[in-house]
Amino acid sequence: MACTQMKCSKNGATSSADFPDDLIVEILSLLPVKSVCRFKCVSSLWYRLISQHRKKLPTTLSGFFYPKHRLNDEGDLVAFPTFDGILGNQEQPFSDSSLAFLTGYRQILPKDCCNGLIFCLCWKDSPIDEADYVVCNPVTEEWVVLPDAGHESNALAYRLGSDAAMSPHFHVFQILEGDVEYGYVSGVNIYSSETGAWSYKENGWGDNEIQIADMRGVFFNGMMHLLTYEFKILAVDTEGKTWRTISLLETMILGNFFVGPLAFIGQSQGRLYVINTTDNDSSKLSVWTLEDYNGNEWTFKYSISIAQLILELFGEKDLNLQQDYADLMLQRDYALIAIHPECNLIFFVWRSKDVLVSYGMDSGEVCVICSLKIHFSDTFPPYLPYVPLYSHIGRPRVEA
């Protein structure tokens, strides 16, 4: 082993001397993001090689898209996407966070984001009362206008599913309402970019009285996962053939007065996570992970004190950090928005300070990432975690 290491250190250009760059890049493209980042530190040659071919290699969370409101020339309040990065001064992978390449629209509302693609509701310049649902890639500036779903039922929600490691095609899940009064799910309409068409599937979860929570879904293991008010996670695959129900171990608080989610599902390091504020102690977050995805067995990982986070973050030692104060902060100012896909790091927004915050679940470190851009909104806008995607959208049909 020592001889091999010495040979490598003497031969500073081992990679280029022994293997062509294209082969090395292809091997690196199969590795996790964390491993690729470590290889950048091996030598200046490796750093240069990885930097030059970054578009072919796996990428990591770079920041968050969310809608920013502004007045247009006619004095109307309109919204367009804006972006806050989490990687310091690193150059953004796209040229314009407002998605200006989407032409012909007077307002663009980002609704969902999944692995480099953004799902938007776009209101037309003319006629002004018509809108399109659009999926776009900010890096390649390609976009696809979705056709009419062709279903009479009201849509409770739309969720975007995409994973370039599994398929170059994306899917949009339209969750349909069967009961207007109670909002029960009747079925799912699924759009495929491969076929360019929608496919309707009746509710296959075996329960006709389920309600989904108004928060982002998780596209994981080729299935869309949705959190419900019945404290369960529903999952359906892209063809509507496999339906799954995953029960949770705790009851939870799903939202607050200002529509900030206090329960959250996400995926990180190949596992499904639930971060939860329980009914019996809303001053704490509990973090659970599904270690065995097929086994339905949750493992408790962390307990996080909200009051302690407030104290560490803002140093407000004069505050009476008791249960009632923690409850007040949760009810007014706090929203979970993401978990980092490669490490035990969660992100949340603190509205009273207008800051984006990260919390390291292993280290306990609390960091203010940035101040959020001003917006004219009384509720928490959707903060959409964004991972750059350099490959093309499957069968794009660009429309102006």
Protein backbone atom coordinates (compact mmCIF):
# COMPACT_ATOMS: atom_id res chain seq x y z
CA MET A 1 0.00 0.00 0.00
CA ALA A 2 2.85 2.41 0.87
CA CYS A 3 4.50 1.82 -2.51
CA THR A 4 1.23 2.49 -4.32
CA GLN A 5 0.68 5.72 -2.41
CA MET A 6 4.23 6.87 -3.14
CA LYS A 7 3.80 6.10 -6.81
CA CYS A 8 0.61 8.16 -6.85
CA SER A 9 2.17 11.09 -5.05
CA LYS A 10 5.19 11.17 -7.34
CA ASN A 11 3.03 10.85 -10.38
CA GLY A 12 1.02 14.04 -9.77
CA ALA A 13 -0.92 13.45 -12.99
CA THR A 14 -1.92 9.89 -12.23
CA SER A 15 -5.45 10.32 -13.53
CA SER A 16 -4.46 11.76 -16.89
CA ALA A 17 -1.45 9.48 -17.30
CA ASP A 18 -3.25 6.21 -16.68
CA PHE A 19 -6.83 6.93 -17.82
CA PRO A 20 -8.43 9.35 -20.28
CA ASP A 21 -10.33 12.24 -18.70
CA ASP A 22 -13.64 11.10 -20.19
CA LEU A 23 -13.39 7.75 -18.42
CA ILE A 24 -12.52 9.37 -15.09
CA VAL A 25 -15.44 11.79 -15.41
CA GLU A 26 -17.79 8.93 -16.22
CA ILE A 27 -16.64 7.07 -13.09
CA LEU A 28 -17.02 10.20 -10.95
CA SER A 29 -20.53 10.77 -12.29
CA LEU A 30 -21.61 7.52 -10.59
CA LEU A 31 -20.40 8.64 -7.15
CA PRO A 32 -22.30 10.57 -4.45
CA VAL A 33 -21.84 14.35 -4.36
CA LYS A 34 -19.88 14.16 -1.10
CA SER A 35 -17.28 11.83 -2.64
CA VAL A 36 -16.80 14.07 -5.68
CA CYS A 37 -16.23 17.07 -3.39
CA ARG A 38 -13.55 15.15 -1.50
CA PHE A 39 -11.77 14.24 -4.73
CA LYS A 40 -11.48 17.95 -5.60
CA CYS A 41 -9.08 18.24 -2.67
CA VAL A 42 -6.70 15.50 -3.86
CA SER A 43 -4.61 17.78 -6.09
CA SER A 44 -4.81 20.82 -8.34
CA LEU A 45 -5.16 18.43 -11.31
CA TRP A 46 -8.21 16.73 -9.82
CA TYR A 47 -9.68 20.09 -8.84
CA ARG A 48 -9.27 21.37 -12.39
CA LEU A 49 -10.64 18.18 -13.95
CA ILE A 50 -13.76 18.16 -11.77
CA SER A 51 -14.36 21.90 -12.19
CA GLN A 52 -14.09 21.68 -15.98
CA HIS A 53 -16.57 18.81 -16.18
CA ARG A 54 -18.97 19.91 -13.43
CA LYS A 55 -21.94 19.78 -15.82
CA LYS A 56 -21.50 16.03 -16.13
CA LEU A 57 -21.11 15.38 -12.40
CA PRO A 58 -23.64 15.14 -9.56
CA THR A 59 -24.53 18.46 -7.94
CA THR A 60 -25.75 19.43 -4.50
CA LEU A 61 -28.21 21.85 -2.95
CA SER A 62 -27.27 25.37 -4.04
CA GLY A 63 -30.10 27.46 -2.58
CA PHE A 64 -33.81 28.22 -2.62
CA PHE A 65 -36.26 29.64 -5.15
CA TYR A 66 -39.32 31.51 -3.90
CA PRO A 67 -41.75 34.10 -5.31
CA LYS A 68 -40.92 37.79 -4.99
CA HIS A 69 -43.75 40.29 -5.41
CA ARG A 70 -43.34 43.64 -7.16
CA LEU A 71 -45.39 46.34 -8.86
CA ASN A 72 -45.44 46.25 -12.67
CA ASP A 73 -45.73 49.23 -15.02
CA GLU A 74 -49.52 49.21 -14.65
CA GLY A 75 -49.33 49.32 -10.86
CA ASP A 76 -50.45 45.72 -10.43
CA LEU A 77 -48.82 43.48 -7.85
CA VAL A 78 -47.21 40.55 -9.64
CA ALA A 79 -44.81 37.78 -8.64
CA PHE A 80 -41.69 36.32 -10.21
CA PRO A 81 -39.17 33.81 -8.86
CA THR A 82 -36.10 34.95 -6.97
CA PHE A 83 -33.23 32.93 -5.53
CA ASP A 84 -31.07 32.89 -2.40
CA GLY A 85 -27.93 30.77 -2.52
CA ILE A 86 -26.34 28.90 0.38
CA LEU A 87 -22.88 28.38 -1.15
CA GLY A 88 -21.40 31.79 -0.38
CA ASN A 89 -19.96 33.65 -3.34
CA GLN A 90 -20.13 30.69 -5.70
CA GLU A 91 -21.44 31.66 -9.13
CA GLN A 92 -25.07 30.78 -9.79
CA PRO A 93 -25.54 28.05 -12.42
CA PHE A 94 -28.27 30.05 -14.22
CA SER A 95 -28.25 33.53 -15.73
CA ASP A 96 -31.52 34.91 -14.36
CA SER A 97 -33.43 33.69 -11.30
CA SER A 98 -36.62 35.43 -12.49
CA LEU A 99 -36.87 32.85 -15.31
CA ALA A 100 -37.06 35.62 -17.92
CA PHE A 101 -36.61 33.05 -20.71
CA LEU A 102 -40.25 32.07 -20.10
CA THR A 103 -41.63 34.59 -22.57
CA GLY A 104 -45.22 35.69 -22.99
CA TYR A 105 -46.08 35.72 -19.28
CA ARG A 106 -46.87 38.68 -17.02
CA GLN A 107 -46.50 36.70 -13.79
CA ILE A 108 -44.62 33.51 -12.89
CA LEU A 109 -45.34 31.71 -9.63
CA PRO A 110 -42.93 28.89 -8.67
CA LYS A 111 -44.96 26.09 -7.10
CA ASP A 112 -42.64 23.12 -6.77
CA CYS A 113 -39.05 22.10 -7.46
CA CYS A 114 -37.45 18.69 -7.85
CA ASN A 115 -33.86 17.83 -8.76
CA GLY A 116 -33.18 20.85 -10.94
CA LEU A 117 -36.61 21.36 -12.51
CA ILE A 118 -39.17 23.97 -11.43
CA PHE A 119 -42.94 23.68 -11.77
CA CYS A 120 -44.61 27.09 -12.26
CA LEU A 121 -48.03 28.62 -12.72
CA CYS A 122 -47.56 31.24 -15.46
CA TRP A 123 -50.21 33.91 -16.18
CA LYS A 124 -50.26 35.02 -19.80
CA ASP A 125 -49.72 38.53 -21.14
CA SER A 126 -52.83 38.01 -23.23
CA PRO A 127 -55.49 37.05 -22.51
CA ILE A 128 -54.66 38.05 -18.93
CA ASP A 129 -57.17 35.66 -17.34
CA GLU A 130 -55.47 32.56 -18.80
CA ALA A 131 -52.51 30.66 -17.39
CA ASP A 132 -50.26 27.72 -18.20
CA TYR A 133 -48.58 25.15 -16.00
CA VAL A 134 -44.94 25.03 -17.05
CA VAL A 135 -41.95 22.85 -16.10
CA CYS A 136 -38.57 24.42 -16.80
CA ASN A 137 -34.84 23.97 -16.27
CA PRO A 138 -33.21 27.31 -15.28
CA VAL A 139 -29.76 26.08 -16.33
CA THR A 140 -30.55 24.97 -19.89
CA GLU A 141 -33.46 27.46 -20.23
CA GLU A 142 -35.69 24.73 -21.67
CA TRP A 143 -39.34 24.61 -20.79
CA VAL A 144 -42.40 22.50 -21.40
CA VAL A 145 -45.98 23.77 -21.34
CA LEU A 146 -48.23 21.08 -19.91
CA PRO A 147 -51.41 20.29 -21.88
CA ASP A 148 -54.81 20.58 -20.24
CA ALA A 149 -55.24 17.76 -17.75
CA GLY A 150 -58.70 17.09 -19.13
CA HIS A 151 -60.32 16.18 -15.83
CA GLU A 152 -63.43 17.78 -14.34
CA SER A 153 -62.49 17.26 -10.68
CA ASN A 154 -60.83 20.09 -8.79
CA ALA A 155 -57.09 19.77 -8.25
CA LEU A 156 -56.07 19.77 -4.59
CA ALA A 157 -52.38 20.08 -5.43
CA TYR A 158 -49.69 19.58 -8.05
CA ARG A 159 -46.39 17.86 -7.25
CA LEU A 160 -43.32 17.55 -9.49
CA GLY A 161 -41.26 14.35 -9.70
CA SER A 162 -37.87 14.11 -11.40
CA ASP A 163 -34.70 12.06 -10.94
CA ALA A 164 -32.18 12.22 -13.79
CA ALA A 165 -30.26 9.28 -12.27
CA MET A 166 -33.29 7.07 -12.93
CA SER A 167 -34.82 8.63 -16.05
CA PRO A 168 -34.42 11.71 -18.27
CA HIS A 169 -38.19 12.23 -18.08
CA PHE A 170 -40.17 14.09 -15.43
CA HIS A 171 -43.69 13.60 -14.07
CA VAL A 172 -46.30 15.93 -12.61
CA PHE A 173 -48.81 14.53 -10.12
CA GLN A 174 -52.20 16.26 -10.03
CA ILE A 175 -53.98 15.28 -6.80
CA LEU A 176 -57.72 15.36 -7.45
CA GLU A 177 -60.55 16.20 -5.08
CA GLY A 178 -63.52 13.89 -4.72
CA ASP A 179 -65.41 15.77 -2.02
CA VAL A 180 -65.57 19.56 -2.29
CA GLU A 181 -66.68 19.99 1.32
CA TYR A 182 -63.96 17.90 2.95
CA GLY A 183 -61.23 17.82 0.30
CA TYR A 184 -60.89 14.05 0.17
CA VAL A 185 -58.58 12.60 -2.48
CA SER A 186 -60.41 10.82 -5.30
CA GLY A 187 -57.45 9.97 -7.53
CA VAL A 188 -54.24 11.11 -9.16
CA ASN A 189 -53.69 12.44 -12.68
CA ILE A 190 -50.07 11.85 -13.78
CA TYR A 191 -48.34 13.71 -16.59
CA SER A 192 -45.32 12.09 -18.27
CA SER A 193 -42.84 14.11 -20.33
CA GLU A 194 -42.04 10.91 -22.22
CA THR A 195 -45.56 10.57 -23.63
CA GLY A 196 -46.56 14.25 -23.37
CA ALA A 197 -49.93 13.18 -21.94
CA TRP A 198 -51.85 12.80 -18.68
CA SER A 199 -53.02 9.46 -17.28
CA TYR A 200 -55.76 9.28 -14.63
CA LYS A 201 -55.71 6.71 -11.84
CA GLU A 202 -58.39 6.28 -9.20
CA ASN A 203 -57.39 6.42 -5.54
CA GLY A 204 -55.49 3.22 -4.86
CA TRP A 205 -54.70 3.79 -1.17
CA GLY A 206 -57.77 1.91 0.05
CA ASP A 207 -59.18 4.90 1.94
CA ASN A 208 -61.78 7.24 0.48
CA GLU A 209 -61.50 9.79 3.30
CA ILE A 210 -57.91 11.02 3.17
CA GLN A 211 -56.74 14.63 3.04
CA ILE A 212 -53.25 15.68 2.02
CA ALA A 213 -51.41 18.41 3.91
CA ASP A 214 -50.61 21.59 2.02
CA MET A 215 -46.85 21.19 1.77
CA ARG A 216 -44.25 19.87 -0.66
CA GLY A 217 -44.14 16.22 -1.59
CA VAL A 218 -41.01 14.07 -1.78
CA PHE A 219 -40.05 12.21 -4.96
CA PHE A 220 -38.04 9.26 -3.67
CA ASN A 221 -37.35 5.74 -4.96
CA GLY A 222 -39.37 6.54 -8.09
CA MET A 223 -42.50 7.39 -6.07
CA MET A 224 -44.21 10.60 -5.00
CA HIS A 225 -44.72 10.83 -1.22
CA LEU A 226 -47.42 13.02 0.33
CA LEU A 227 -48.08 13.86 3.98
CA THR A 228 -51.71 13.61 5.15
CA TYR A 229 -53.76 15.02 8.01
CA GLU A 230 -54.27 11.42 9.16
CA PHE A 231 -50.56 11.27 10.14
CA LYS A 232 -49.66 8.98 7.29
CA ILE A 233 -47.47 9.25 4.21
CA LEU A 234 -49.05 8.24 0.92
CA ALA A 235 -46.88 7.10 -2.00
CA VAL A 236 -47.66 6.38 -5.65
CA ASP A 237 -45.33 5.54 -8.54
CA THR A 238 -45.12 7.36 -11.87
CA GLU A 239 -47.43 4.89 -13.62
CA GLY A 240 -50.09 4.73 -10.91
CA LYS A 241 -49.51 1.00 -10.48
CA THR A 242 -47.94 0.90 -7.01
CA TRP A 243 -49.72 2.56 -4.07
CA ARG A 244 -48.31 2.60 -0.57
CA THR A 245 -49.31 3.92 2.88
CA ILE A 246 -46.64 4.55 5.52
CA SER A 247 -47.95 5.16 9.04
CA LEU A 248 -46.16 7.62 11.34
CA LEU A 249 -45.44 6.99 15.01
CA GLU A 250 -46.53 10.39 16.32
CA THR A 251 -49.36 12.84 15.91
CA MET A 252 -48.16 16.25 14.77
CA ILE A 253 -48.92 19.90 14.19
CA LEU A 254 -49.14 20.40 10.44
CA GLY A 255 -49.25 24.18 10.16
CA ASN A 256 -49.61 27.50 11.94
CA PHE A 257 -51.58 30.70 11.63
CA PHE A 258 -49.28 32.09 8.94
CA VAL A 259 -49.20 28.84 6.93
CA GLY A 260 -45.70 27.87 7.98
CA PRO A 261 -45.35 24.07 8.01
CA LEU A 262 -44.35 22.66 11.39
CA ALA A 263 -44.21 19.08 10.14
CA PHE A 264 -42.02 18.19 7.23
CA ILE A 265 -41.05 15.20 5.09
CA GLY A 266 -37.86 15.06 3.05
CA GLN A 267 -35.15 12.74 1.80
CA SER A 268 -31.47 12.78 2.66
CA GLN A 269 -28.62 10.33 2.16
CA GLY A 270 -30.92 7.73 0.67
CA ARG A 271 -33.49 7.81 3.49
CA LEU A 272 -36.93 9.28 4.05
CA TYR A 273 -37.15 11.78 6.95
CA VAL A 274 -39.99 13.17 9.02
CA ILE A 275 -39.41 16.25 11.17
CA ASN A 276 -42.30 16.80 13.50
CA THR A 277 -43.72 19.11 16.17
CA THR A 278 -45.82 17.01 18.48
CA ASP A 279 -49.14 18.00 20.00
CA ASN A 280 -48.01 17.29 23.56
CA ASP A 281 -44.80 19.36 23.39
CA SER A 282 -44.71 22.00 20.66
CA SER A 283 -41.48 23.48 22.03
CA LYS A 284 -39.50 20.61 20.52
CA LEU A 285 -38.93 19.07 17.11
CA SER A 286 -38.46 15.34 16.78
CA VAL A 287 -36.63 13.86 13.82
CA TRP A 288 -37.42 10.36 12.51
CA THR A 289 -35.92 8.41 9.63
CA LEU A 290 -37.12 5.37 7.72
CA GLU A 291 -33.92 3.33 7.84
CA ASP A 292 -35.47 0.37 6.03
CA TYR A 293 -37.71 1.86 3.34
CA ASN A 294 -39.49 -1.44 2.67
CA GLY A 295 -39.86 -2.33 6.32
CA ASN A 296 -42.04 0.59 7.50
CA GLU A 297 -39.92 0.95 10.65
CA TRP A 298 -39.16 4.48 11.86
CA THR A 299 -36.05 5.25 13.89
CA PHE A 300 -35.92 8.23 16.26
CA LYS A 301 -32.81 10.34 15.53
CA TYR A 302 -32.91 13.75 17.23
CA SER A 303 -34.84 16.01 19.57
CA ILE A 304 -34.41 19.74 18.91
CA SER A 305 -35.40 22.46 21.41
CA ILE A 306 -36.97 25.47 19.70
CA ALA A 307 -36.34 27.72 22.70
CA GLN A 308 -32.64 26.81 22.68
CA LEU A 309 -32.44 27.57 18.96
CA ILE A 310 -33.89 31.04 19.55
CA LEU A 311 -31.38 31.70 22.32
CA GLU A 312 -28.37 30.53 20.29
CA LEU A 313 -29.47 32.29 17.14
CA PHE A 314 -30.33 35.75 18.45
CA GLY A 315 -28.75 35.80 21.88
CA GLU A 316 -31.92 37.15 23.48
CA LYS A 317 -30.99 36.16 27.03
CA ASP A 318 -33.49 38.57 28.55
CA LEU A 319 -36.41 36.67 27.06
CA ASN A 320 -38.42 34.33 29.21
CA LEU A 321 -37.84 31.15 27.24
CA GLN A 322 -40.74 29.18 28.63
CA GLN A 323 -43.27 26.94 26.98
CA ASP A 324 -45.70 29.75 26.13
CA TYR A 325 -42.98 31.80 24.40
CA ALA A 326 -41.77 28.83 22.37
CA ASP A 327 -45.36 28.15 21.36
CA LEU A 328 -45.80 31.77 20.28
CA MET A 329 -42.64 31.69 18.15
CA LEU A 330 -43.78 28.49 16.48
CA GLN A 331 -47.25 29.79 15.77
CA ARG A 332 -46.11 33.07 14.25
CA ASP A 333 -42.62 33.02 12.84
CA TYR A 334 -41.27 29.63 11.97
CA ALA A 335 -41.37 27.34 8.93
CA LEU A 336 -39.39 24.20 8.13
CA ILE A 337 -38.44 24.20 4.46
CA ALA A 338 -35.83 21.52 3.66
CA ILE A 339 -33.29 18.93 4.73
CA HIS A 340 -29.95 18.82 2.96
CA PRO A 341 -29.78 15.81 0.60
CA GLU A 342 -26.19 14.89 1.60
CA CYS A 343 -25.90 15.68 5.32
CA ASN A 344 -27.83 16.06 8.57
CA LEU A 345 -28.62 19.73 8.05
CA ILE A 346 -32.11 21.21 8.15
CA PHE A 347 -33.24 24.62 6.91
CA PHE A 348 -35.96 26.89 8.20
CA VAL A 349 -37.21 30.45 7.84
CA TRP A 350 -37.62 32.79 10.81
CA ARG A 351 -40.14 35.37 9.73
CA SER A 352 -39.73 37.96 12.51
CA LYS A 353 -36.09 38.35 11.49
CA ASP A 354 -36.61 37.57 7.76
CA VAL A 355 -33.67 35.18 7.73
CA LEU A 356 -32.87 31.78 6.26
CA VAL A 357 -31.34 29.55 8.94
CA SER A 358 -29.57 26.20 8.99
CA TYR A 359 -29.25 23.81 11.92
CA GLY A 360 -26.71 20.98 12.07
CA MET A 361 -28.40 18.04 13.75
CA ASP A 362 -25.06 16.37 14.59
CA SER A 363 -23.15 19.46 15.72
CA GLY A 364 -26.04 21.50 17.11
CA GLU A 365 -24.67 24.52 15.24
CA VAL A 366 -27.14 27.23 14.23
CA CYS A 367 -26.23 29.56 11.33
CA VAL A 368 -27.95 32.47 9.65
CA ILE A 369 -27.34 31.90 5.94
CA CYS A 370 -28.77 35.13 4.58
CA SER A 371 -31.41 37.80 4.94
CA LEU A 372 -34.38 37.11 2.71
CA LYS A 373 -35.43 39.52 0.00
CA ILE A 374 -38.42 41.70 0.84
CA HIS A 375 -41.79 40.40 -0.33
CA PHE A 376 -45.35 41.69 0.00
CA SER A 377 -46.93 38.67 1.60
CA ASP A 378 -48.55 37.88 4.94
CA THR A 379 -47.91 34.16 4.59
CA PHE A 380 -44.83 32.05 4.16
CA PRO A 381 -44.17 31.73 0.41
CA PRO A 382 -43.03 28.33 -0.84
CA TYR A 383 -39.25 28.08 -0.41
CA LEU A 384 -38.14 25.51 -2.98
CA PRO A 385 -34.77 23.73 -2.52
CA TYR A 386 -32.83 23.77 -5.77
CA VAL A 387 -30.18 21.35 -7.06
CA PRO A 388 -28.78 22.37 -10.50
CA LEU A 389 -29.46 20.02 -13.41
CA TYR A 390 -27.29 20.23 -16.53
CA SER A 391 -29.00 17.54 -18.58
CA HIS A 392 -31.90 18.24 -20.93
CA ILE A 393 -35.59 17.86 -20.23
CA GLY A 394 -37.06 14.73 -21.77
CA ARG A 395 -38.82 15.58 -25.05
CA PRO A 396 -39.02 19.36 -24.46
CA ARG A 397 -41.68 21.17 -26.45
CA VAL A 398 -40.78 24.82 -26.23
CA GLU A 399 -43.67 27.23 -26.73
CA ALA A 400 -43.48 31.02 -26.80
